[in-house]
Structure formats: structure tokens, C-alpha cells
Amino acid sequence: MDSHISAFMDYLDFEKGLAANTRAAYRRDLGKFFAFVQETLSCYSLNEISKSDIIAFLAWQMESGAEYSTVARSLSSIKTFYKFLVLDGFLAVNPAGDLETPKIKRKLPQVLSVNEVDRLMEVPNVILPLGIRDRAMLELMYGTGVRVSELLSLQVDDINLTAGFLRCFGKGRKERIIPVNQTASDWVHRYLARSRNLLVKANSERTLFLNSRGNRLSRQGFFKILIGYVQIADIHKDVTPHTLRHSFATHLLENGADLRAVQEMLGHADISTTQIYTHLTRSRLREVYQQYHPRA
């Protein structure tokens, strides 16, 4: 089984272009599945595993208290793996082929108000080089809606401040071009002119945002920076890096942006993923109605 999982990981990497974190999630899901079928069902070969064995594993997960979304993701990983085995010619029949992945009700994401965004942006001490860097990162993330992994992967040459756009590579290494507003452009320009040259240690380093040691900033490092500023800004919400992306999309739609345009900027393959933000704007409309209509 290990050799087939390794081949599957290569397939996800080279042919599907999935990120390392996504591939790791697939590997974890498959590891749990095969540990279950070996230890509980005494199945030691892929040819021995049946549809009922897969159902038994999913049932065991649910009985063990796993979240509904976790079970659905496990099934998705198993189905993708078996589809690969059939395409690769190792199996003639996919035992998971007709198992339907349950639709998960999406939770509405946490969103900052415009006032909260303004307060957050004002927190970094822009007298200091790292403060300028942090302001530039926050402005660029909220101004473009990029994922934190995309933000931290940006290279100096990926952003064109004169034309006002950046290039990033999202899921599946799909390239997209996103407009950059003037405020974000100004802060990135200020960072490049006054801060990055003080942080960079090697001329060959082209990553845009660097840590104090001159290396690429990590996701954990960015998260700590963000949480610190959220606390200082006195924002009482569970804010993550993704919250800025959610706020970007919601505020655009609240101000009349076209859903397809927002989908393109977010890099969503399916517009149904973007449509979750229309629920947020409708919720906001209800709040306004309840607050201001005399008979509400």
C-alpha cells in the first residue's frame, strides 16, 4: 500500500499541482483508513478492500466523534485515491466509485466591519521597519483577498505598483492577476523603499515579505503578528488570516461588486464557493432592516 500511496502523492504533486499542505491531508486521511482496515478488518491488500469496508471506516469515524466535515473529507480522499488506482491500471473496479460525498453546510465566515479594518490597519508602528512591513502586508491582504500562503509566497517581481496589479499562484498552481488599490500600493512601495533593504541578507532573495532574519515569513509568524494587532485594536472576534480574505469579498459585494469578478479575484474554481458571501450580505441587509425600519 505504501508504494501506491507514494505514487498517488507524486500524482497530486506533479499532475494536479496540489500544495504540500493539501497532499499531507490526503496522506493523513489514507493513513487512518488503511490503519483501520488492517487492524480492525484484517485487510492487508488493496484488492481485499470492499465498498462495505469503506462504509465501515466512515461509520467508525462518526461513532468516534469525528466532525461531519472530517468524515466527508476522508471519503473524498479515499475516492480520489481509488480513482487514481483505476486510472493507473492497478484496479479494474473502484469500490468507492458510487459512494456519494455528503454536502456539508458551510459555516458563515467571520468578517470584520469596515471600522474594525480601519482600526487594525492603524495599529502597526510605521516608524519601525517591521511596522511598515506589517502595514504593507495587512493592506495588501485586505486589498486583494489573497490567501496567506499566496501572500507569503509573493516575489518582488510579482507585484507591479505602476500598473496596480499583482500576480499570484493559487490552488493547483493556477495563476491569477488581481488589482491592487492605491493605498496598498503606497504601503508596499514604502516597504520596498524603506524596510525590505534593511531586512534582506542575500541579494538572491526575491521573496517580497521577509522576517527579521531576512528569510521568508512563515504562516505561524504572520498569524502571531496578526493576533497581536487584533488584540491591540480591541477587536473581539476570532480573527485568522483568512478573516481578511473574507472581509475583502464581503465588503466588495456589499458595495455592489459583480459576483463573477469577486470569484475571479478570489481564485474560486466554482462560483458556489463565492456565493457564501452573498449570505453574509443578506444577513447584513436584515440587520439594517431590523435596526432602522419603524415596524421591524
Foldseek 3Di string as FASTA:
>chain_A
DVVLLVVVLVCCCPVQVADPVVNVLLVVLVVQLQVCCCPPVVDDDPVPDALVSLVVSLVVCVVVPHDLVSSLVSLVSLQSSLVVCCVVVNDVDRRSVPPDRDDDDDDQDDADDPVLLVLLLPQQDVVDLVSLLLSLLSLQCLQQLEAPVFSLQDFQVQADLVVAWGWTQDGSRDIAITGGDNVSSVSLVCSVVPHLVCQADDPPDGGSRADNNRHGQDLVNSQVVSVVSSVVSVPPDPDGSNNSSLNSLLVCVLVPHDLVVNCRSNVPPDSVVSCSSVVVSVVVVVVVCVVPPPVD
